[in-house]
Protein backbone atom coordinates (compact mmCIF):
# COMPACT_ATOMS: atom_id res chain seq x y z
CA MET A 1 5.55 -12.62 -11.25
CA ARG A 2 2.26 -14.03 -10.00
CA SER A 3 3.96 -17.37 -9.35
CA VAL A 4 6.55 -15.67 -7.11
CA LEU A 5 3.77 -13.99 -5.13
CA ASP A 6 1.83 -17.24 -4.84
CA GLU A 7 4.93 -19.11 -3.69
CA TRP A 8 5.79 -16.73 -0.86
CA ARG A 9 2.36 -15.69 0.40
CA PRO A 10 1.75 -18.78 2.65
CA VAL A 11 5.23 -18.35 4.15
CA VAL A 12 4.58 -14.68 4.84
CA ASP A 13 1.24 -15.47 6.51
CA GLU A 14 2.88 -18.11 8.71
CA THR A 15 5.47 -15.53 9.76
CA ILE A 16 2.82 -12.95 10.59
CA GLU A 17 1.00 -15.60 12.62
CA SER A 18 4.18 -16.23 14.61
CA LEU A 19 4.15 -12.53 15.56
CA LEU A 20 0.39 -12.28 16.10
CA PRO A 21 -1.28 -15.69 16.52
CA ARG A 22 -4.87 -16.20 15.47
CA THR A 23 -5.57 -17.17 19.07
CA VAL A 24 -3.87 -15.20 21.82
CA ASP A 25 -3.44 -16.34 25.40
CA ASP A 26 -1.61 -15.18 28.50
CA ALA A 27 1.50 -17.15 27.59
CA TYR A 28 1.81 -15.37 24.23
CA LEU A 29 1.09 -11.95 25.73
CA THR A 30 3.72 -12.44 28.40
CA ASP A 31 6.31 -13.67 25.93
CA PHE A 32 5.68 -10.95 23.35
CA PHE A 33 4.79 -7.94 25.51
CA GLY A 34 6.35 -8.81 28.86
CA ASP A 35 4.89 -9.63 32.26
CA ALA A 36 1.59 -7.96 33.08
CA THR A 37 1.75 -5.42 35.86
CA TYR A 38 -1.54 -6.84 37.15
CA ALA A 39 -3.34 -9.17 34.71
CA TYR A 40 -3.97 -9.41 30.96
CA ASP A 41 -7.49 -10.00 29.65
CA SER A 42 -6.60 -12.29 26.76
CA THR A 43 -10.28 -12.63 25.78
CA ALA A 44 -10.60 -8.88 25.27
CA ILE A 45 -7.32 -8.71 23.35
CA GLN A 46 -8.46 -11.60 21.18
CA HIS A 47 -11.67 -9.74 20.38
CA ALA A 48 -10.07 -6.32 19.88
CA LEU A 49 -6.87 -7.25 18.01
CA ALA A 50 -6.42 -10.80 16.75
CA ASP A 51 -9.96 -11.30 15.40
CA PRO A 52 -10.27 -8.13 13.26
CA ILE A 53 -6.67 -8.27 12.06
CA TRP A 54 -6.91 -11.86 10.88
CA GLU A 55 -10.35 -11.29 9.39
CA LEU A 56 -8.74 -8.70 7.12
CA LEU A 57 -5.62 -10.74 6.35
CA ASP A 58 -7.66 -13.83 5.48
CA ARG A 59 -9.66 -11.90 2.88
CA GLY A 60 -6.71 -11.78 0.52
CA GLY A 61 -4.02 -9.40 -0.60
CA LYS A 62 -0.95 -10.33 -2.62
CA ARG A 63 1.59 -9.66 0.17
CA TRP A 64 3.75 -8.03 -2.49
CA ARG A 65 5.51 -5.75 -0.03
CA ALA A 66 6.80 -8.70 1.99
CA VAL A 67 7.74 -10.60 -1.18
CA LEU A 68 9.54 -7.53 -2.55
CA PHE A 69 11.54 -7.32 0.68
CA LEU A 70 12.60 -10.97 0.32
CA LEU A 71 13.62 -10.39 -3.30
CA PHE A 72 15.81 -7.48 -2.20
CA VAL A 73 17.42 -9.63 0.47
CA GLU A 74 18.16 -12.26 -2.16
CA ALA A 75 19.47 -9.56 -4.52
CA PHE A 76 21.87 -8.52 -1.76
CA ASP A 77 23.10 -12.14 -1.81
CA GLU A 78 21.61 -13.16 1.53
CA ASP A 79 19.24 -16.00 2.43
CA PRO A 80 15.64 -14.70 2.55
CA GLU A 81 14.65 -17.40 5.05
CA GLU A 82 16.86 -15.75 7.67
CA PHE A 83 14.95 -12.45 7.42
CA LEU A 84 11.33 -13.62 7.26
CA GLU A 85 10.24 -11.77 10.40
CA TYR A 86 11.57 -8.51 8.95
CA ALA A 87 9.54 -9.16 5.78
CA ALA A 88 6.40 -9.08 7.94
CA ILE A 89 7.10 -5.49 9.03
CA PRO A 90 5.94 -3.67 5.87
CA GLU A 91 3.05 -6.10 5.35
CA ILE A 92 1.64 -5.55 8.83
CA LEU A 93 2.14 -1.79 8.46
CA HIS A 94 0.30 -1.79 5.13
CA ASN A 95 -2.72 -3.63 6.48
CA GLY A 96 -2.84 -1.29 9.46
CA THR A 97 -3.01 1.70 7.13
CA ILE A 98 -5.85 0.01 5.22
CA ILE A 99 -7.99 -0.28 8.36
CA VAL A 100 -7.44 3.35 9.34
CA ASP A 101 -7.87 4.61 5.76
CA ASP A 102 -11.23 2.85 5.46
CA VAL A 103 -12.51 4.63 8.57
CA GLU A 104 -11.22 8.00 7.33
CA ASP A 105 -12.66 7.47 3.84
CA GLY A 106 -15.99 6.12 5.04
CA ALA A 107 -15.37 3.01 2.92
CA THR A 108 -18.13 0.43 2.78
CA HIS A 109 -16.12 -2.56 1.57
CA ARG A 110 -12.59 -3.92 1.60
CA ARG A 111 -11.45 -6.95 -0.38
CA GLY A 112 -14.98 -7.90 -1.30
CA GLU A 113 -16.47 -7.77 2.19
CA PRO A 114 -17.72 -5.04 4.55
CA ALA A 115 -14.95 -2.81 5.90
CA LEU A 116 -13.86 -3.74 9.41
CA HIS A 117 -15.45 -0.70 11.06
CA HIS A 118 -18.79 -2.01 9.82
CA THR A 119 -18.23 -5.50 11.23
CA HIS A 120 -16.28 -4.70 14.41
CA GLY A 121 -17.06 -1.05 15.12
CA THR A 122 -15.01 2.10 14.60
CA ASP A 123 -13.38 1.95 18.03
CA ILE A 124 -12.03 -1.57 17.67
CA SER A 125 -11.01 -0.99 14.06
CA LEU A 126 -9.03 2.16 14.82
CA ASN A 127 -7.31 0.52 17.77
CA ALA A 128 -6.43 -2.57 15.70
CA GLY A 129 -5.16 -0.45 12.81
CA ASN A 130 -3.05 1.71 15.10
CA ALA A 131 -1.69 -1.37 16.88
CA MET A 132 -0.43 -2.60 13.51
CA TYR A 133 1.80 0.48 13.27
CA PHE A 134 3.57 -0.61 16.46
CA LEU A 135 3.47 -4.42 16.45
CA PRO A 136 6.18 -4.64 13.76
CA LEU A 137 8.61 -2.69 15.93
CA LYS A 138 8.73 -5.73 18.21
CA VAL A 139 10.62 -7.50 15.42
CA LEU A 140 13.46 -5.02 15.80
CA THR A 141 13.32 -5.45 19.57
CA ARG A 142 13.45 -9.24 19.30
CA ASP A 143 16.20 -8.90 16.65
CA PRO A 144 15.93 -12.39 15.07
CA ALA A 145 18.85 -11.73 12.69
CA ASP A 146 21.14 -10.52 15.49
CA LEU A 147 21.76 -7.15 13.84
CA PRO A 148 24.56 -4.87 15.02
CA PRO A 149 23.35 -1.95 17.18
CA ASP A 150 23.93 0.65 14.45
CA ALA A 151 21.77 -1.30 12.00
CA ARG A 152 18.92 -1.62 14.50
CA LEU A 153 19.10 2.12 15.22
CA ALA A 154 19.12 2.89 11.49
CA ALA A 155 16.03 0.70 11.02
CA TYR A 156 14.16 2.49 13.83
CA GLU A 157 15.09 5.92 12.48
CA MET A 158 14.12 4.93 8.93
CA LEU A 159 10.72 3.60 10.01
CA THR A 160 10.00 6.77 12.01
CA HIS A 161 10.89 8.99 9.06
CA GLU A 162 8.94 7.06 6.43
CA LEU A 163 5.82 6.55 8.57
CA ASN A 164 5.68 10.29 9.26
CA ARG A 165 5.80 10.93 5.51
CA THR A 166 3.03 8.38 4.99
CA HIS A 167 0.73 10.53 7.09
CA LEU A 168 1.67 13.63 5.13
CA GLY A 169 0.43 11.85 2.02
CA GLN A 170 -2.79 10.74 3.68
CA GLY A 171 -3.38 14.25 4.97
CA MET A 172 -3.09 15.72 1.48
CA ASP A 173 -5.40 13.07 0.03
CA ILE A 174 -8.06 13.66 2.70
CA CYS A 175 -7.94 17.43 2.17
CA TRP A 176 -8.34 17.11 -1.60
CA HIS A 177 -11.20 14.67 -1.18
CA ASN A 178 -13.06 17.29 0.87
CA GLU A 179 -12.75 19.94 -1.83
CA LYS A 180 -15.03 20.21 -4.84
CA ALA A 181 -12.61 22.03 -7.14
CA VAL A 182 -9.70 20.19 -8.74
CA ARG A 183 -6.97 22.69 -7.83
CA ILE A 184 -3.89 20.51 -7.32
CA SER A 185 -0.92 20.18 -9.64
CA GLU A 186 0.48 16.98 -11.07
CA GLY A 187 3.60 17.44 -8.95
CA GLU A 188 1.53 17.70 -5.77
CA TYR A 189 -0.40 14.58 -6.72
CA LEU A 190 2.78 12.61 -7.41
CA GLU A 191 4.20 13.78 -4.07
CA MET A 192 1.05 12.53 -2.33
CA CYS A 193 1.54 9.14 -3.99
CA ALA A 194 5.24 9.14 -3.12
CA CYS A 195 4.30 9.66 0.53
CA LYS A 196 1.12 7.63 0.90
CA THR A 197 1.99 4.64 -1.31
CA GLY A 198 5.67 5.16 -1.98
CA CYS A 199 6.81 5.36 1.63
CA LEU A 200 5.68 1.82 2.44
CA ALA A 201 7.56 0.59 -0.62
CA ARG A 202 10.59 2.63 0.42
CA ILE A 203 10.40 0.95 3.83
CA VAL A 204 10.59 -2.40 2.05
CA ALA A 205 13.73 -1.50 0.11
CA ARG A 206 15.50 0.50 2.81
CA LEU A 207 14.85 -2.13 5.47
CA ALA A 208 16.28 -4.86 3.23
CA ALA A 209 19.43 -2.79 2.65
CA ILE A 210 19.79 -2.02 6.36
CA VAL A 211 19.32 -5.54 7.74
CA THR A 212 21.69 -7.03 5.13
CA GLU A 213 24.19 -4.24 5.90
CA ASN A 214 24.12 -2.73 2.40
CA GLN A 215 23.44 0.86 3.42
CA ASP A 216 25.54 2.20 0.51
CA ASP A 217 22.80 0.94 -1.83
CA GLU A 218 19.91 1.99 0.41
CA MET A 219 18.77 5.12 -1.38
CA ALA A 220 19.10 3.66 -4.87
CA VAL A 221 16.83 0.71 -4.06
CA ALA A 222 14.51 3.12 -2.21
CA LYS A 223 14.16 5.19 -5.39
CA TYR A 224 13.30 2.05 -7.36
CA ALA A 225 10.67 1.11 -4.80
CA GLU A 226 9.14 4.59 -4.63
CA GLU A 227 8.79 5.00 -8.40
CA MET A 228 7.49 1.46 -8.78
CA ALA A 229 4.87 2.11 -6.07
CA VAL A 230 3.72 5.39 -7.64
CA ALA A 231 3.43 3.57 -10.97
CA PHE A 232 1.41 0.88 -9.18
CA GLN A 233 -1.00 3.50 -7.77
CA ILE A 234 -1.52 5.23 -11.10
CA ALA A 235 -1.97 1.91 -12.92
CA ASP A 236 -4.47 0.84 -10.26
CA ASP A 237 -6.52 3.98 -10.90
CA VAL A 238 -6.40 3.31 -14.64
CA LEU A 239 -7.58 -0.27 -14.08
CA ASP A 240 -10.62 1.05 -12.21
CA VAL A 241 -11.57 3.09 -15.29
CA GLU A 242 -10.80 0.29 -17.75
CA TYR A 243 -12.87 -2.16 -15.75
CA ALA A 244 -15.84 0.19 -16.00
CA LEU A 245 -15.27 0.56 -19.76
CA GLU A 246 -15.04 -3.21 -20.14
CA GLU A 247 -18.38 -3.59 -18.41
CA GLY A 248 -19.88 -1.07 -20.81
CA GLY A 249 -21.75 0.94 -18.22
CA ASP A 250 -23.74 -2.03 -16.92
CA PHE A 251 -21.55 -2.86 -13.98
CA GLY A 252 -23.52 -2.32 -10.79
CA LYS A 253 -22.17 -1.51 -7.35
CA GLY A 254 -18.46 -1.63 -6.69
CA VAL A 255 -17.07 -0.70 -10.12
CA GLY A 256 -15.91 2.81 -10.98
CA ASN A 257 -15.13 3.24 -7.29
CA ASP A 258 -12.71 6.12 -7.80
CA ILE A 259 -15.39 8.20 -9.53
CA ARG A 260 -17.97 7.31 -6.90
CA GLU A 261 -15.56 8.25 -4.10
CA GLY A 262 -14.59 11.54 -5.79
CA LYS A 263 -10.89 10.70 -5.98
CA LYS A 264 -8.57 13.28 -7.46
CA THR A 265 -6.54 10.86 -9.59
CA LEU A 266 -3.85 11.79 -12.09
CA MET A 267 -6.46 11.34 -14.82
CA VAL A 268 -8.75 13.88 -13.16
CA ILE A 269 -5.90 16.37 -12.68
CA HIS A 270 -4.85 16.01 -16.32
CA ALA A 271 -8.45 16.49 -17.47
CA ALA A 272 -8.79 19.61 -15.33
CA ASP A 273 -5.82 21.08 -17.22
CA ASN A 274 -6.85 19.93 -20.70
CA ALA A 275 -10.62 19.48 -20.99
CA ALA A 276 -13.11 22.15 -22.07
CA PRO A 277 -14.28 24.41 -19.21
CA GLU A 278 -17.82 23.03 -19.30
CA ASP A 279 -16.46 19.46 -19.12
CA ILE A 280 -14.25 20.36 -16.16
CA ALA A 281 -17.22 21.88 -14.33
CA ARG A 282 -19.32 18.78 -15.01
CA LEU A 283 -16.51 16.44 -13.92
CA GLU A 284 -16.15 18.34 -10.61
CA GLU A 285 -19.91 18.13 -10.11
CA LEU A 286 -19.92 14.37 -10.70
CA LEU A 287 -16.97 13.78 -8.39
CA TRP A 288 -18.52 15.93 -5.65
CA SER A 289 -21.86 14.11 -5.78
CA GLU A 290 -22.62 11.88 -2.80
CA GLU A 291 -23.89 9.15 -5.09
CA ASN A 292 -23.44 8.43 -8.79
CA THR A 293 -25.53 6.32 -11.11
CA ASP A 294 -23.75 3.98 -13.52
CA GLU A 295 -24.58 6.44 -16.28
CA GLU A 296 -22.94 9.28 -14.39
CA VAL A 297 -19.82 7.20 -13.78
CA MET A 298 -19.62 6.54 -17.52
CA GLU A 299 -20.15 10.25 -18.21
CA ALA A 300 -17.17 11.13 -16.02
CA ILE A 301 -15.04 8.47 -17.70
CA ASP A 302 -16.03 9.79 -21.12
CA ILE A 303 -14.72 13.22 -20.09
CA LEU A 304 -11.43 11.65 -18.99
CA GLU A 305 -11.10 9.72 -22.25
CA ALA A 306 -11.96 12.72 -24.43
CA ALA A 307 -9.24 14.77 -22.72
CA GLY A 308 -6.68 12.01 -23.36
CA SER A 309 -6.28 11.63 -19.60
CA VAL A 310 -6.54 7.83 -19.43
CA GLU A 311 -3.77 7.36 -21.98
CA TYR A 312 -1.70 10.06 -20.30
CA ALA A 313 -1.92 8.25 -16.95
CA LYS A 314 -1.02 4.91 -18.55
CA GLN A 315 2.05 6.45 -20.16
CA THR A 316 3.08 8.14 -16.91
CA ALA A 317 2.88 4.82 -15.07
CA GLN A 318 4.94 3.16 -17.82
CA ASP A 319 7.59 5.90 -17.66
CA LEU A 320 7.85 5.56 -13.88
CA SER A 321 8.18 1.79 -14.15
CA GLU A 322 11.02 2.11 -16.65
CA SER A 323 12.74 4.75 -14.53
CA ALA A 324 12.44 2.50 -11.48
CA THR A 325 14.25 -0.39 -13.15
CA GLY A 326 16.99 2.01 -14.23
CA HIS A 327 17.97 2.49 -10.58
CA LEU A 328 18.65 -1.24 -10.27
CA GLU A 329 21.14 -1.05 -13.14
CA GLU A 330 23.31 1.25 -11.03
CA LEU A 331 23.90 -1.51 -8.47
CA ASP A 332 25.88 -4.73 -8.28
CA LEU A 333 23.00 -7.04 -7.33
CA ALA A 334 22.57 -10.79 -7.81
CA PRO A 335 21.24 -11.34 -11.37
CA GLU A 336 18.28 -13.69 -10.84
CA PRO A 337 16.45 -11.73 -8.10
CA THR A 338 17.24 -8.50 -9.98
CA GLU A 339 15.43 -9.94 -13.00
CA LYS A 340 12.43 -10.61 -10.76
CA LEU A 341 12.56 -7.04 -9.40
CA THR A 342 12.58 -5.76 -12.98
CA ALA A 343 9.69 -8.04 -13.84
CA PHE A 344 7.79 -6.77 -10.81
CA ALA A 345 8.09 -3.15 -11.95
CA GLU A 346 6.74 -4.24 -15.34
CA PHE A 347 3.99 -6.32 -13.75
CA VAL A 348 2.49 -3.43 -11.80
CA VAL A 349 1.73 -1.49 -14.99
CA GLU A 350 0.84 -4.43 -17.23
CA ARG A 351 -1.78 -6.05 -15.03
CA GLU A 352 -4.98 -6.86 -16.83
CA ILE A 353 -8.58 -6.45 -15.79
C-alpha cells in the first residue's frame, strides 16, 4: 500500500499546486477568483495564504485521502487522471482542518515542526485554514470533468452535509478535552470519530461515486470509508502508546502525545469502565495535568495496559477494518482497485511503529 501512496503523492501535489500555486500573482487571482472590484494585493495574499499552506503541505503527509478517491474512481471503472482536481478536494479540506485544530488544541508541533500559528501567527493561520474549506469548492465551479448539473448539485449538498458533521465531531472532542472526568460512552466516542475523522473519508468515497455517476453505490462506499477512517483513528492512538512502550519510558518530548494532551481515547474510555476506582482517579489526574513527565506518561500507559484497554482498542480497530471491507463485497467494482481498497483497510490497522 505504501508504494501506491508514494506513486500518487507527487501527482496529487502537482494538482493542488494547479489550484493554489506556490507563488500567486494578479493573473492567477483574476483567473481563479474573478476580476478584482478595485485591486488585488497579491503580495499580501502570498503571505497570508500561499506561504503558510505550502509550508504545511511540504512538511509531509501521505495524501491518502486523495489516493483513496482515485482508487474509488478506478474501482468505478473510470480513468483517475480525468478526475485529479476532484481528488484534491478532500486533501485540501483535511489540511485546512489540521491548521484550525492545532490552534484550537494549542498544539506546539505539526509534522515535526512548529505548528503554523507559532510560525505565522494565529490570525494568518486561522484565515488560511478557513480558506482551505472553501478553495476546493472552486473545483466544482470550474467543473473540469464536465459533470451534469444534478451531479454538481449533489456534490455541493454532500460537502455541506459532511463538513457540518465534521464540526460536530470537533465540538465534542473539544468539550471532552476540557473536562477532567472521563464520562463519555464508547458509542459517543465512536460517533465523534465518525464525524471528525470519518466525514472526510466519507467525502472521499461519496464524491468519487457522485462524479463518476455511481450514486446507487454511494452510501455503501461511504460506509466502507467511515469505518476504515475510525479504525485508522483508533489504530493511530494505539501506535502512540506502543511507541512509548517501545522507547521504554526514555523517549523525551513528542512521544506519548495523547497522554500529554489529555485525550479521551477509546483506551481511556475502556479503562474508565474496567480499571479499579483508584486507577481511574489517577488516570484522570494524569490526563488533566498541564504537563507530564516521562514517568507519568508511562504510569498512565501502565493503567491502560493493566485494564486490557490497549488490546481492546487494537481489536476494535481490527473489527472495524474487517467490517469496512465487507461493504465492498456488496458492490460490483473493478477487481484490481478493489483489492487495493481492501489492502488499504488492512494497512491502517497493521502499520508498525
